Amino acid sequence: MKARSIIVLLVTASLLGQTKPVAAQDAVSARIPEYLKESVDPSMRAIRRDIPITNAIRRALDAGTRDFTGRPGRNYWQLRTDFTINASLDPRTQTLSGEETIVVHNNSGDELYQILLRLDHNIYRGFVPRGYSVPAENADGMIVTRLVVDGEEVDLHARAPRLRFGQNPPPGRLSVFGLDQTVALISLAAPVAPRSTVTLEIDWHTRLPGGPNGRSHRMTQRWDSTL
């Protein structure tokens, strides 16, 4: 009895494993639109043997800045900045003042024509775009009073040129635009050559906002005279 049971099970499994007759397959195939046949017909479906990667990763592989493990490649580089900052706090006015020198190292193989300055404290200016979180009070933000690039002083009051969206200022003139925004753009008179540096000197001050008594808001930056 046990042997018969085993035989029956094997026969059943064999029947279940049988494919449809050729005529039935042809009937099913006839009902599939032509534009779908390549995606459902195993005999027409291509087998992809490579791993799809984005164009950005492909360019990095070609440039040698990444390898196939994802690690930095032989030509990998990063910009480097060295900061020297002298700052002081006036508790009476809740104002932070600073003088700093920034040395920007162009470690790339290309010339550097522009430098972006992050001025995050300008988020407290009332006209600067921001998200749903509104500061406890509006303030003057980050006020830059002096900017020098490689010994040449920048005119902080120069009129910004009319530019289309995404268009950069014309090269060949040292200028800065967007000092009242959270990101300012320094356009260099001469590009920074590969593997060389440019030095910025910046004087600035900013009042730390806090609202009434500096409390009760997540974007508050002071509590009375305590940072």
N, C-alpha and C. Protein backbone atom coordinates (compact mmCIF):
# COMPACT_ATOMS: atom_id res chain seq x y z
N MET A 1 0.84 -1.20 0.00
CA MET A 1 0.00 0.00 0.00
C MET A 1 0.87 1.25 0.00
N LYS A 2 1.94 1.18 0.76
CA LYS A 2 2.82 2.34 0.82
C LYS A 2 3.44 2.60 -0.54
N ALA A 3 3.85 1.52 -1.23
CA ALA A 3 4.47 1.69 -2.53
C ALA A 3 3.48 2.30 -3.51
N ARG A 4 2.21 1.83 -3.50
CA ARG A 4 1.20 2.40 -4.40
C ARG A 4 1.00 3.89 -4.12
N SER A 5 0.97 4.24 -2.83
CA SER A 5 0.79 5.66 -2.49
C SER A 5 1.91 6.49 -3.06
N ILE A 6 3.12 5.99 -2.96
CA ILE A 6 4.27 6.74 -3.47
C ILE A 6 4.17 6.90 -4.97
N ILE A 7 3.76 5.81 -5.65
CA ILE A 7 3.65 5.87 -7.10
C ILE A 7 2.59 6.87 -7.52
N VAL A 8 1.46 6.87 -6.83
CA VAL A 8 0.38 7.80 -7.14
C VAL A 8 0.85 9.23 -6.97
N LEU A 9 1.57 9.48 -5.90
CA LEU A 9 2.06 10.83 -5.64
C LEU A 9 3.04 11.27 -6.72
N LEU A 10 3.90 10.35 -7.14
CA LEU A 10 4.86 10.70 -8.18
C LEU A 10 4.16 10.99 -9.49
N VAL A 11 3.15 10.20 -9.82
CA VAL A 11 2.40 10.42 -11.05
C VAL A 11 1.68 11.75 -11.00
N THR A 12 1.08 12.04 -9.83
CA THR A 12 0.36 13.30 -9.68
C THR A 12 1.31 14.49 -9.84
N ALA A 13 2.49 14.35 -9.20
CA ALA A 13 3.46 15.42 -9.32
C ALA A 13 3.90 15.59 -10.76
N SER A 14 4.03 14.49 -11.47
CA SER A 14 4.45 14.56 -12.86
C SER A 14 3.40 15.26 -13.71
N LEU A 15 2.11 14.93 -13.43
CA LEU A 15 1.03 15.55 -14.19
C LEU A 15 0.96 17.05 -13.91
N LEU A 16 1.17 17.42 -12.62
CA LEU A 16 1.13 18.84 -12.27
C LEU A 16 2.25 19.60 -12.94
N GLY A 17 3.38 18.95 -13.16
CA GLY A 17 4.52 19.62 -13.75
C GLY A 17 4.45 19.73 -15.26
N GLN A 18 3.45 19.10 -15.89
CA GLN A 18 3.37 19.16 -17.34
C GLN A 18 2.98 20.56 -17.81
N THR A 19 3.51 20.99 -18.90
CA THR A 19 3.15 22.28 -19.48
C THR A 19 1.92 22.12 -20.35
N LYS A 20 1.35 23.31 -20.76
CA LYS A 20 0.17 23.26 -21.61
C LYS A 20 0.54 22.71 -22.99
N PRO A 21 -0.41 22.06 -23.62
CA PRO A 21 -0.16 21.60 -24.99
C PRO A 21 0.21 22.77 -25.88
N VAL A 22 0.92 22.47 -26.96
CA VAL A 22 1.38 23.51 -27.87
C VAL A 22 0.20 24.29 -28.42
N ALA A 23 -0.89 23.63 -28.76
CA ALA A 23 -2.06 24.30 -29.31
C ALA A 23 -2.62 25.31 -28.32
N ALA A 24 -2.65 24.93 -27.03
CA ALA A 24 -3.18 25.83 -26.00
C ALA A 24 -2.27 27.04 -25.85
N GLN A 25 -0.95 26.80 -25.90
CA GLN A 25 -0.01 27.91 -25.79
C GLN A 25 -0.19 28.89 -26.94
N ASP A 26 -0.38 28.35 -28.16
CA ASP A 26 -0.58 29.21 -29.32
C ASP A 26 -1.85 30.04 -29.17
N ALA A 27 -2.88 29.45 -28.59
CA ALA A 27 -4.15 30.17 -28.41
C ALA A 27 -3.98 31.33 -27.44
N VAL A 28 -3.23 31.07 -26.35
CA VAL A 28 -2.98 32.13 -25.38
C VAL A 28 -2.14 33.22 -26.00
N SER A 29 -1.10 32.84 -26.73
CA SER A 29 -0.21 33.81 -27.36
C SER A 29 -0.94 34.67 -28.37
N ALA A 30 -1.96 34.11 -29.02
CA ALA A 30 -2.70 34.87 -30.03
C ALA A 30 -3.48 36.00 -29.40
N ARG A 31 -3.85 35.86 -28.12
CA ARG A 31 -4.64 36.90 -27.46
C ARG A 31 -3.78 38.02 -26.89
N ILE A 32 -2.42 37.87 -26.88
CA ILE A 32 -1.52 38.88 -26.33
C ILE A 32 -1.19 39.92 -27.39
N PRO A 33 -1.36 41.20 -27.11
CA PRO A 33 -1.00 42.24 -28.10
C PRO A 33 0.47 42.16 -28.46
N GLU A 34 0.79 42.58 -29.66
CA GLU A 34 2.16 42.49 -30.15
C GLU A 34 3.14 43.25 -29.26
N TYR A 35 2.70 44.42 -28.78
CA TYR A 35 3.63 45.23 -28.00
C TYR A 35 3.93 44.65 -26.62
N LEU A 36 3.16 43.62 -26.19
CA LEU A 36 3.41 42.99 -24.90
C LEU A 36 4.13 41.65 -25.02
N LYS A 37 4.24 41.14 -26.22
CA LYS A 37 4.78 39.78 -26.36
C LYS A 37 6.22 39.68 -25.87
N GLU A 38 7.02 40.70 -26.14
CA GLU A 38 8.42 40.63 -25.73
C GLU A 38 8.57 40.58 -24.22
N SER A 39 7.59 41.16 -23.49
CA SER A 39 7.71 41.19 -22.04
C SER A 39 7.17 39.93 -21.37
N VAL A 40 6.38 39.12 -22.07
CA VAL A 40 5.79 37.92 -21.46
C VAL A 40 6.29 36.63 -22.08
N ASP A 41 6.85 36.69 -23.27
CA ASP A 41 7.30 35.49 -23.95
C ASP A 41 8.74 35.19 -23.54
N PRO A 42 8.98 34.08 -22.82
CA PRO A 42 10.35 33.78 -22.37
C PRO A 42 11.34 33.64 -23.52
N SER A 43 10.88 33.20 -24.66
CA SER A 43 11.80 33.03 -25.78
C SER A 43 12.24 34.36 -26.38
N MET A 44 11.51 35.45 -26.08
CA MET A 44 11.84 36.76 -26.64
C MET A 44 12.41 37.71 -25.58
N ARG A 45 12.32 37.31 -24.33
CA ARG A 45 12.74 38.21 -23.26
C ARG A 45 14.26 38.18 -23.10
N ALA A 46 14.88 39.37 -23.10
CA ALA A 46 16.33 39.45 -22.91
C ALA A 46 16.67 39.36 -21.43
N ILE A 47 17.77 38.72 -21.13
CA ILE A 47 18.23 38.60 -19.75
C ILE A 47 19.30 39.65 -19.51
N ARG A 48 19.04 40.57 -18.58
CA ARG A 48 20.01 41.62 -18.31
C ARG A 48 21.14 41.06 -17.44
N ARG A 49 22.36 41.22 -17.89
CA ARG A 49 23.50 40.66 -17.19
C ARG A 49 24.36 41.73 -16.51
N ASP A 50 24.03 43.03 -16.70
CA ASP A 50 24.78 44.08 -16.02
C ASP A 50 23.90 44.70 -14.93
N ILE A 51 24.53 45.44 -14.01
CA ILE A 51 23.80 46.10 -12.94
C ILE A 51 23.51 47.53 -13.37
N PRO A 52 22.24 47.94 -13.41
CA PRO A 52 21.93 49.31 -13.84
C PRO A 52 22.49 50.33 -12.85
N ILE A 53 23.15 51.37 -13.34
CA ILE A 53 23.69 52.41 -12.49
C ILE A 53 23.31 53.76 -13.08
N THR A 54 23.30 54.77 -12.24
CA THR A 54 22.90 56.10 -12.68
C THR A 54 24.01 56.74 -13.52
N ASN A 55 23.64 57.76 -14.26
CA ASN A 55 24.62 58.47 -15.08
C ASN A 55 25.68 59.13 -14.22
N ALA A 56 25.28 59.63 -13.04
CA ALA A 56 26.25 60.29 -12.16
C ALA A 56 27.32 59.31 -11.69
N ILE A 57 26.89 58.09 -11.33
CA ILE A 57 27.86 57.08 -10.89
C ILE A 57 28.73 56.64 -12.06
N ARG A 58 28.12 56.52 -13.23
CA ARG A 58 28.89 56.11 -14.42
C ARG A 58 29.97 57.14 -14.73
N ARG A 59 29.62 58.44 -14.62
CA ARG A 59 30.62 59.49 -14.86
C ARG A 59 31.73 59.43 -13.82
N ALA A 60 31.37 59.13 -12.56
CA ALA A 60 32.39 59.04 -11.51
C ALA A 60 33.33 57.86 -11.77
N LEU A 61 32.79 56.76 -12.26
CA LEU A 61 33.63 55.61 -12.59
C LEU A 61 34.58 55.96 -13.74
N ASP A 62 34.04 56.65 -14.76
CA ASP A 62 34.87 57.03 -15.90
C ASP A 62 35.96 58.01 -15.49
N ALA A 63 35.65 58.90 -14.54
CA ALA A 63 36.63 59.90 -14.10
C ALA A 63 37.62 59.34 -13.09
N GLY A 64 37.33 58.17 -12.55
CA GLY A 64 38.22 57.56 -11.57
C GLY A 64 38.05 58.12 -10.17
N THR A 65 36.95 58.84 -9.92
CA THR A 65 36.71 59.36 -8.56
C THR A 65 36.00 58.34 -7.68
N ARG A 66 35.45 57.29 -8.28
CA ARG A 66 34.86 56.17 -7.53
C ARG A 66 35.25 54.87 -8.22
N ASP A 67 35.29 53.78 -7.42
CA ASP A 67 35.48 52.48 -8.05
C ASP A 67 34.21 51.66 -7.85
N PHE A 68 34.21 50.42 -8.34
CA PHE A 68 32.99 49.62 -8.33
C PHE A 68 32.57 49.19 -6.93
N THR A 69 33.45 49.34 -5.93
CA THR A 69 33.06 49.03 -4.55
C THR A 69 32.33 50.21 -3.91
N GLY A 70 32.34 51.38 -4.58
CA GLY A 70 31.75 52.57 -4.00
C GLY A 70 32.74 53.42 -3.24
N ARG A 71 33.96 52.91 -3.06
CA ARG A 71 34.98 53.67 -2.36
C ARG A 71 35.58 54.75 -3.25
N PRO A 72 36.21 55.77 -2.66
CA PRO A 72 36.88 56.78 -3.48
C PRO A 72 37.91 56.15 -4.41
N GLY A 73 37.95 56.62 -5.65
CA GLY A 73 38.90 56.11 -6.62
C GLY A 73 40.21 56.87 -6.61
N ARG A 74 41.06 56.56 -7.56
CA ARG A 74 42.41 57.14 -7.58
C ARG A 74 42.39 58.64 -7.81
N ASN A 75 41.33 59.16 -8.45
CA ASN A 75 41.25 60.59 -8.74
C ASN A 75 40.27 61.32 -7.84
N TYR A 76 39.90 60.71 -6.73
CA TYR A 76 38.93 61.33 -5.82
C TYR A 76 39.52 62.58 -5.17
N TRP A 77 38.69 63.61 -4.99
CA TRP A 77 39.15 64.84 -4.34
C TRP A 77 37.99 65.51 -3.61
N GLN A 78 38.32 66.37 -2.68
CA GLN A 78 37.35 67.21 -1.98
C GLN A 78 37.94 68.59 -1.80
N LEU A 79 37.08 69.61 -1.87
CA LEU A 79 37.53 70.94 -1.50
C LEU A 79 37.80 70.96 0.01
N ARG A 80 38.80 71.74 0.40
CA ARG A 80 39.14 71.83 1.81
C ARG A 80 39.17 73.30 2.22
N THR A 81 38.70 73.60 3.41
CA THR A 81 38.74 74.97 3.91
C THR A 81 39.34 74.98 5.32
N ASP A 82 40.24 75.92 5.55
CA ASP A 82 40.85 76.11 6.87
C ASP A 82 40.34 77.44 7.43
N PHE A 83 39.74 77.39 8.63
CA PHE A 83 39.15 78.57 9.25
C PHE A 83 39.98 79.03 10.44
N THR A 84 40.19 80.34 10.53
CA THR A 84 40.72 80.96 11.74
C THR A 84 39.72 82.04 12.14
N ILE A 85 39.04 81.84 13.29
CA ILE A 85 37.94 82.71 13.68
C ILE A 85 38.21 83.32 15.05
N ASN A 86 38.10 84.63 15.15
CA ASN A 86 38.12 85.34 16.42
C ASN A 86 36.75 85.96 16.62
N ALA A 87 36.05 85.54 17.66
CA ALA A 87 34.68 86.01 17.88
C ALA A 87 34.49 86.44 19.32
N SER A 88 33.54 87.36 19.52
CA SER A 88 33.23 87.83 20.86
C SER A 88 31.73 88.03 20.98
N LEU A 89 31.22 87.88 22.20
CA LEU A 89 29.79 88.02 22.47
C LEU A 89 29.56 89.20 23.41
N ASP A 90 28.63 90.06 23.04
CA ASP A 90 28.21 91.15 23.90
C ASP A 90 26.86 90.77 24.51
N PRO A 91 26.84 90.33 25.78
CA PRO A 91 25.57 89.90 26.38
C PRO A 91 24.53 91.02 26.46
N ARG A 92 24.99 92.28 26.56
CA ARG A 92 24.06 93.39 26.70
C ARG A 92 23.21 93.55 25.44
N THR A 93 23.82 93.38 24.27
CA THR A 93 23.08 93.52 23.01
C THR A 93 22.78 92.18 22.36
N GLN A 94 23.19 91.07 22.98
CA GLN A 94 23.04 89.72 22.41
C GLN A 94 23.61 89.65 20.99
N THR A 95 24.76 90.28 20.80
CA THR A 95 25.38 90.34 19.48
C THR A 95 26.69 89.58 19.47
N LEU A 96 26.86 88.76 18.44
CA LEU A 96 28.09 88.01 18.22
C LEU A 96 28.85 88.67 17.08
N SER A 97 30.11 89.03 17.31
CA SER A 97 30.94 89.69 16.29
C SER A 97 32.17 88.84 16.01
N GLY A 98 32.61 88.84 14.77
CA GLY A 98 33.75 88.00 14.43
C GLY A 98 34.59 88.55 13.31
N GLU A 99 35.86 88.16 13.34
CA GLU A 99 36.80 88.38 12.24
C GLU A 99 37.39 87.02 11.91
N GLU A 100 37.39 86.68 10.64
CA GLU A 100 37.89 85.35 10.30
C GLU A 100 38.64 85.35 8.98
N THR A 101 39.51 84.35 8.87
CA THR A 101 40.26 84.11 7.64
C THR A 101 39.95 82.69 7.19
N ILE A 102 39.60 82.55 5.92
CA ILE A 102 39.26 81.24 5.35
C ILE A 102 40.21 80.98 4.18
N VAL A 103 40.93 79.89 4.25
CA VAL A 103 41.79 79.47 3.14
C VAL A 103 41.08 78.32 2.43
N VAL A 104 40.73 78.56 1.17
CA VAL A 104 40.03 77.56 0.37
C VAL A 104 41.05 76.84 -0.51
N HIS A 105 41.13 75.53 -0.38
CA HIS A 105 42.06 74.71 -1.16
C HIS A 105 41.29 74.09 -2.34
N ASN A 106 41.68 74.44 -3.55
CA ASN A 106 41.07 73.85 -4.73
C ASN A 106 41.81 72.56 -5.06
N ASN A 107 41.32 71.44 -4.55
CA ASN A 107 41.97 70.15 -4.77
C ASN A 107 41.49 69.45 -6.04
N SER A 108 40.66 70.12 -6.81
CA SER A 108 40.15 69.51 -8.03
C SER A 108 41.14 69.71 -9.17
N GLY A 109 40.82 69.14 -10.31
CA GLY A 109 41.64 69.32 -11.49
C GLY A 109 41.13 70.43 -12.38
N ASP A 110 40.15 71.20 -11.90
CA ASP A 110 39.54 72.28 -12.69
C ASP A 110 39.76 73.62 -12.01
N GLU A 111 39.65 74.68 -12.79
CA GLU A 111 39.73 76.02 -12.23
C GLU A 111 38.46 76.34 -11.46
N LEU A 112 38.60 77.13 -10.40
CA LEU A 112 37.48 77.50 -9.55
C LEU A 112 37.16 78.97 -9.79
N TYR A 113 35.95 79.25 -10.28
CA TYR A 113 35.56 80.60 -10.66
C TYR A 113 34.68 81.28 -9.61
N GLN A 114 34.05 80.50 -8.75
CA GLN A 114 33.10 81.07 -7.79
C GLN A 114 33.23 80.39 -6.44
N ILE A 115 32.83 81.12 -5.40
CA ILE A 115 32.81 80.57 -4.04
C ILE A 115 31.46 80.91 -3.44
N LEU A 116 30.83 79.93 -2.81
CA LEU A 116 29.56 80.15 -2.14
C LEU A 116 29.79 80.33 -0.64
N LEU A 117 29.13 81.31 -0.06
CA LEU A 117 29.20 81.55 1.38
C LEU A 117 27.88 81.15 2.01
N ARG A 118 27.94 80.29 3.00
CA ARG A 118 26.75 79.95 3.77
C ARG A 118 26.56 81.00 4.87
N LEU A 119 25.44 81.70 4.82
CA LEU A 119 25.11 82.72 5.81
C LEU A 119 23.79 82.33 6.46
N ASP A 120 23.84 81.25 7.24
CA ASP A 120 22.61 80.65 7.77
C ASP A 120 21.81 81.59 8.66
N HIS A 121 22.48 82.53 9.33
CA HIS A 121 21.75 83.42 10.24
C HIS A 121 20.82 84.38 9.50
N ASN A 122 20.95 84.45 8.18
CA ASN A 122 20.03 85.29 7.42
C ASN A 122 18.63 84.69 7.36
N ILE A 123 18.44 83.49 7.88
CA ILE A 123 17.11 82.91 7.97
C ILE A 123 16.22 83.75 8.87
N TYR A 124 16.85 84.58 9.72
CA TYR A 124 16.08 85.42 10.64
C TYR A 124 15.67 86.75 10.03
N ARG A 125 16.10 87.02 8.78
CA ARG A 125 15.61 88.20 8.07
C ARG A 125 14.17 87.92 7.61
N GLY A 126 13.31 88.88 7.77
CA GLY A 126 11.89 88.65 7.50
C GLY A 126 11.56 88.33 6.06
N PHE A 127 12.37 88.78 5.09
CA PHE A 127 12.03 88.59 3.68
C PHE A 127 12.72 87.38 3.07
N VAL A 128 13.52 86.63 3.84
CA VAL A 128 14.22 85.46 3.30
C VAL A 128 13.27 84.27 3.26
N PRO A 129 13.19 83.54 2.13
CA PRO A 129 12.30 82.37 2.06
C PRO A 129 12.66 81.33 3.12
N ARG A 130 11.66 80.79 3.78
CA ARG A 130 11.87 79.75 4.79
C ARG A 130 10.65 78.86 4.83
N GLY A 131 10.76 77.78 5.56
CA GLY A 131 9.69 76.80 5.62
C GLY A 131 8.59 77.20 6.59
N TYR A 132 7.94 76.19 7.16
CA TYR A 132 6.82 76.45 8.04
C TYR A 132 7.26 77.00 9.39
N SER A 133 8.50 76.77 9.76
CA SER A 133 8.98 77.23 11.06
C SER A 133 9.38 78.71 10.96
N VAL A 134 8.70 79.55 11.71
CA VAL A 134 8.96 80.99 11.70
C VAL A 134 9.70 81.34 12.98
N PRO A 135 10.77 82.15 12.90
CA PRO A 135 11.53 82.50 14.10
C PRO A 135 10.70 83.23 15.14
N ALA A 136 11.18 83.20 16.37
CA ALA A 136 10.49 83.91 17.45
C ALA A 136 10.45 85.41 17.17
N GLU A 137 11.46 85.92 16.48
CA GLU A 137 11.48 87.32 16.09
C GLU A 137 12.36 87.47 14.85
N ASN A 138 12.07 88.47 14.06
CA ASN A 138 12.93 88.78 12.93
C ASN A 138 14.13 89.59 13.42
N ALA A 139 15.27 89.38 12.78
CA ALA A 139 16.49 90.09 13.13
C ALA A 139 17.21 90.50 11.86
N ASP A 140 18.35 91.16 12.01
CA ASP A 140 19.09 91.64 10.84
C ASP A 140 19.93 90.55 10.19
N GLY A 141 19.99 89.38 10.80
CA GLY A 141 20.74 88.29 10.22
C GLY A 141 22.24 88.48 10.32
N MET A 142 22.96 87.89 9.36
CA MET A 142 24.42 87.96 9.32
C MET A 142 24.82 89.20 8.51
N ILE A 143 25.42 90.16 9.17
CA ILE A 143 25.82 91.40 8.50
C ILE A 143 27.33 91.35 8.25
N VAL A 144 27.70 91.27 6.99
CA VAL A 144 29.11 91.26 6.59
C VAL A 144 29.54 92.71 6.36
N THR A 145 30.58 93.15 7.08
CA THR A 145 31.04 94.53 6.97
C THR A 145 32.33 94.66 6.17
N ARG A 146 33.02 93.55 5.94
CA ARG A 146 34.27 93.61 5.17
C ARG A 146 34.54 92.25 4.56
N LEU A 147 34.93 92.26 3.28
CA LEU A 147 35.26 91.01 2.58
C LEU A 147 36.45 91.28 1.68
N VAL A 148 37.51 90.52 1.87
CA VAL A 148 38.74 90.66 1.10
C VAL A 148 39.09 89.30 0.49
N VAL A 149 39.42 89.27 -0.79
CA VAL A 149 39.78 88.04 -1.48
C VAL A 149 41.21 88.20 -2.00
N ASP A 150 42.13 87.41 -1.44
CA ASP A 150 43.54 87.48 -1.84
C ASP A 150 44.07 88.92 -1.84
N GLY A 151 43.74 89.65 -0.78
CA GLY A 151 44.24 91.01 -0.63
C GLY A 151 43.44 92.08 -1.33
N GLU A 152 42.45 91.72 -2.15
CA GLU A 152 41.63 92.71 -2.85
C GLU A 152 40.28 92.84 -2.18
N GLU A 153 39.94 94.07 -1.79
CA GLU A 153 38.68 94.30 -1.08
C GLU A 153 37.51 94.28 -2.05
N VAL A 154 36.42 93.66 -1.60
CA VAL A 154 35.22 93.52 -2.43
C VAL A 154 34.26 94.65 -2.10
N ASP A 155 33.66 95.24 -3.13
CA ASP A 155 32.64 96.27 -2.94
C ASP A 155 31.35 95.59 -2.50
N LEU A 156 30.98 95.79 -1.23
CA LEU A 156 29.79 95.11 -0.69
C LEU A 156 28.49 95.78 -1.13
N HIS A 157 28.60 96.95 -1.72
CA HIS A 157 27.39 97.70 -2.10
C HIS A 157 27.22 97.79 -3.61
N ALA A 158 27.98 97.00 -4.34
CA ALA A 158 27.85 97.01 -5.80
C ALA A 158 26.48 96.49 -6.20
N ARG A 159 25.96 97.06 -7.27
CA ARG A 159 24.63 96.68 -7.73
C ARG A 159 24.70 95.33 -8.43
N ALA A 160 23.79 94.46 -8.07
CA ALA A 160 23.78 93.12 -8.68
C ALA A 160 23.29 93.20 -10.12
N PRO A 161 23.93 92.48 -11.05
CA PRO A 161 23.46 92.49 -12.44
C PRO A 161 22.15 91.75 -12.58
N ARG A 162 21.42 92.09 -13.64
CA ARG A 162 20.17 91.37 -13.91
C ARG A 162 20.50 90.04 -14.58
N LEU A 163 20.16 88.96 -13.90
CA LEU A 163 20.49 87.64 -14.39
C LEU A 163 19.23 86.79 -14.49
N ARG A 164 19.19 85.93 -15.50
CA ARG A 164 18.11 84.95 -15.58
C ARG A 164 18.33 83.87 -14.53
N PHE A 165 17.26 83.14 -14.23
CA PHE A 165 17.35 82.09 -13.23
C PHE A 165 18.40 81.07 -13.64
N GLY A 166 19.35 80.78 -12.73
CA GLY A 166 20.42 79.82 -13.01
C GLY A 166 21.61 80.41 -13.72
N GLN A 167 21.52 81.67 -14.14
CA GLN A 167 22.64 82.30 -14.84
C GLN A 167 23.64 82.87 -13.83
N ASN A 168 24.93 82.71 -14.10
CA ASN A 168 25.99 83.17 -13.20
C ASN A 168 26.45 84.57 -13.59
N PRO A 169 26.99 85.34 -12.61
CA PRO A 169 27.54 86.66 -12.94
C PRO A 169 28.67 86.53 -13.94
N PRO A 170 28.92 87.58 -14.73
CA PRO A 170 30.01 87.51 -15.72
C PRO A 170 31.35 87.40 -15.02
N PRO A 171 32.28 86.58 -15.57
CA PRO A 171 33.60 86.42 -14.96
C PRO A 171 34.48 87.64 -15.22
N GLY A 172 35.60 87.71 -14.51
CA GLY A 172 36.56 88.77 -14.75
C GLY A 172 36.43 89.96 -13.82
N ARG A 173 35.43 89.96 -12.93
CA ARG A 173 35.26 91.07 -12.00
C ARG A 173 34.96 90.51 -10.62
N LEU A 174 35.71 90.92 -9.62
CA LEU A 174 35.51 90.46 -8.26
C LEU A 174 34.25 91.10 -7.70
N SER A 175 33.30 90.28 -7.30
CA SER A 175 32.03 90.80 -6.81
C SER A 175 31.38 89.77 -5.90
N VAL A 176 30.41 90.24 -5.14
CA VAL A 176 29.65 89.34 -4.27
C VAL A 176 28.18 89.74 -4.33
N PHE A 177 27.31 88.75 -4.40
CA PHE A 177 25.88 88.99 -4.48
C PHE A 177 25.16 88.04 -3.52
N GLY A 178 24.06 88.53 -2.93
CA GLY A 178 23.25 87.70 -2.05
C GLY A 178 23.68 87.71 -0.61
N LEU A 179 24.35 88.78 -0.15
CA LEU A 179 24.77 88.83 1.25
C LEU A 179 23.59 88.92 2.20
N ASP A 180 22.40 89.24 1.69
CA ASP A 180 21.21 89.29 2.53
C ASP A 180 20.41 87.99 2.45
N GLN A 181 20.96 86.98 1.78
CA GLN A 181 20.32 85.67 1.67
C GLN A 181 21.12 84.64 2.48
N THR A 182 20.63 83.42 2.54
CA THR A 182 21.33 82.38 3.30
C THR A 182 22.53 81.82 2.55
N VAL A 183 22.60 82.07 1.24
CA VAL A 183 23.76 81.68 0.44
C VAL A 183 24.17 82.86 -0.42
N ALA A 184 25.41 83.31 -0.28
CA ALA A 184 25.94 84.40 -1.10
C ALA A 184 26.93 83.83 -2.12
N LEU A 185 27.09 84.52 -3.24
CA LEU A 185 27.95 84.07 -4.32
C LEU A 185 29.07 85.07 -4.52
N ILE A 186 30.31 84.60 -4.39
CA ILE A 186 31.49 85.41 -4.68
C ILE A 186 31.97 85.03 -6.07
N SER A 187 31.97 85.99 -6.99
CA SER A 187 32.49 85.78 -8.34
C SER A 187 33.92 86.30 -8.37
N LEU A 188 34.87 85.45 -8.71
CA LEU A 188 36.29 85.79 -8.64
C LEU A 188 36.76 86.51 -9.91
N ALA A 189 37.68 87.46 -9.72
CA ALA A 189 38.25 88.16 -10.88
C ALA A 189 39.15 87.24 -11.68
N ALA A 190 39.88 86.37 -11.00
CA ALA A 190 40.73 85.38 -11.66
C ALA A 190 40.45 84.02 -11.04
N PRO A 191 40.35 82.98 -11.85
CA PRO A 191 40.03 81.66 -11.30
C PRO A 191 41.16 81.13 -10.42
N VAL A 192 40.76 80.28 -9.47
CA VAL A 192 41.73 79.59 -8.62
C VAL A 192 42.21 78.36 -9.38
N ALA A 193 43.49 78.30 -9.63
CA ALA A 193 44.05 77.20 -10.42
C ALA A 193 43.93 75.88 -9.65
N PRO A 194 43.94 74.75 -10.37
CA PRO A 194 43.93 73.45 -9.69
C PRO A 194 45.11 73.31 -8.73
N ARG A 195 44.85 72.68 -7.59
CA ARG A 195 45.86 72.41 -6.57
C ARG A 195 46.46 73.70 -6.00
N SER A 196 45.65 74.76 -5.94
CA SER A 196 46.13 76.00 -5.34
C SER A 196 45.06 76.53 -4.38
N THR A 197 45.31 77.69 -3.77
CA THR A 197 44.42 78.20 -2.72
C THR A 197 44.00 79.63 -3.01
N VAL A 198 42.95 80.05 -2.32
CA VAL A 198 42.50 81.43 -2.29
C VAL A 198 42.14 81.75 -0.85
N THR A 199 42.46 82.98 -0.40
CA THR A 199 42.26 83.36 1.00
C THR A 199 41.18 84.44 1.11
N LEU A 200 40.20 84.20 1.96
CA LEU A 200 39.14 85.16 2.23
C LEU A 200 39.32 85.74 3.63
N GLU A 201 39.10 87.04 3.77
CA GLU A 201 39.06 87.70 5.07
C GLU A 201 37.68 88.32 5.22
N ILE A 202 36.99 88.01 6.30
CA ILE A 202 35.61 88.45 6.48
C ILE A 202 35.41 88.99 7.89
N ASP A 203 34.80 90.19 7.99
CA ASP A 203 34.36 90.74 9.26
C ASP A 203 32.83 90.73 9.26
N TRP A 204 32.23 90.37 10.39
CA TRP A 204 30.79 90.24 10.42
C TRP A 204 30.28 90.41 11.85
N HIS A 205 28.97 90.59 11.98
CA HIS A 205 28.31 90.55 13.29
C HIS A 205 26.86 90.13 13.08
N THR A 206 26.29 89.53 14.10
CA THR A 206 24.91 89.05 14.04
C THR A 206 24.29 89.08 15.42
N ARG A 207 23.06 89.55 15.50
CA ARG A 207 22.35 89.55 16.79
C ARG A 207 21.56 88.26 16.91
N LEU A 208 21.65 87.63 18.06
CA LEU A 208 20.99 86.34 18.27
C LEU A 208 19.53 86.58 18.62
N PRO A 209 18.61 86.12 17.78
CA PRO A 209 17.19 86.37 18.02
C PRO A 209 16.66 85.49 19.14
N GLY A 210 15.60 85.96 19.79
CA GLY A 210 15.03 85.15 20.85
C GLY A 210 13.62 85.50 21.22
N GLY A 211 13.09 86.60 20.72
CA GLY A 211 11.73 86.98 21.09
C GLY A 211 11.69 87.50 22.52
N PRO A 212 10.49 87.68 23.08
CA PRO A 212 10.36 88.20 24.45
C PRO A 212 11.09 87.30 25.44
N ASN A 213 12.09 87.85 26.10
CA ASN A 213 12.90 87.13 27.08
C ASN A 213 13.66 85.94 26.48
N GLY A 214 13.63 85.80 25.17
CA GLY A 214 14.41 84.75 24.52
C GLY A 214 13.92 83.35 24.81
N ARG A 215 12.60 83.17 25.00
CA ARG A 215 12.11 81.84 25.38
C ARG A 215 10.95 81.40 24.48
N SER A 216 10.55 80.14 24.67
CA SER A 216 9.30 79.59 24.12
C SER A 216 9.27 79.48 22.60
N HIS A 217 10.40 79.16 21.99
CA HIS A 217 10.38 78.92 20.55
C HIS A 217 11.57 78.07 20.18
N ARG A 218 11.37 77.12 19.27
CA ARG A 218 12.44 76.19 18.95
C ARG A 218 13.53 76.85 18.11
N MET A 219 13.25 78.00 17.48
CA MET A 219 14.29 78.71 16.73
C MET A 219 14.89 79.84 17.56
N THR A 220 14.69 79.80 18.86
CA THR A 220 15.33 80.76 19.75
C THR A 220 16.82 80.39 19.89
N GLN A 221 17.69 81.39 19.94
CA GLN A 221 19.12 81.11 20.05
C GLN A 221 19.74 81.70 21.32
N ARG A 222 18.94 82.25 22.17
CA ARG A 222 19.49 82.77 23.42
C ARG A 222 18.48 82.64 24.54
N TRP A 223 19.00 82.61 25.74
CA TRP A 223 18.15 82.60 26.93
C TRP A 223 18.75 83.66 27.84
N ASP A 224 18.16 84.84 27.85
CA ASP A 224 18.73 85.98 28.54
C ASP A 224 20.15 86.21 28.00
N SER A 225 21.19 86.08 28.83
CA SER A 225 22.55 86.33 28.36
C SER A 225 23.30 85.03 28.11
N THR A 226 22.61 83.90 28.08
CA THR A 226 23.26 82.60 27.92
C THR A 226 22.99 82.06 26.53
N LEU A 227 24.06 81.66 25.84
CA LEU A 227 23.88 81.06 24.52
C LEU A 227 23.34 79.64 24.65
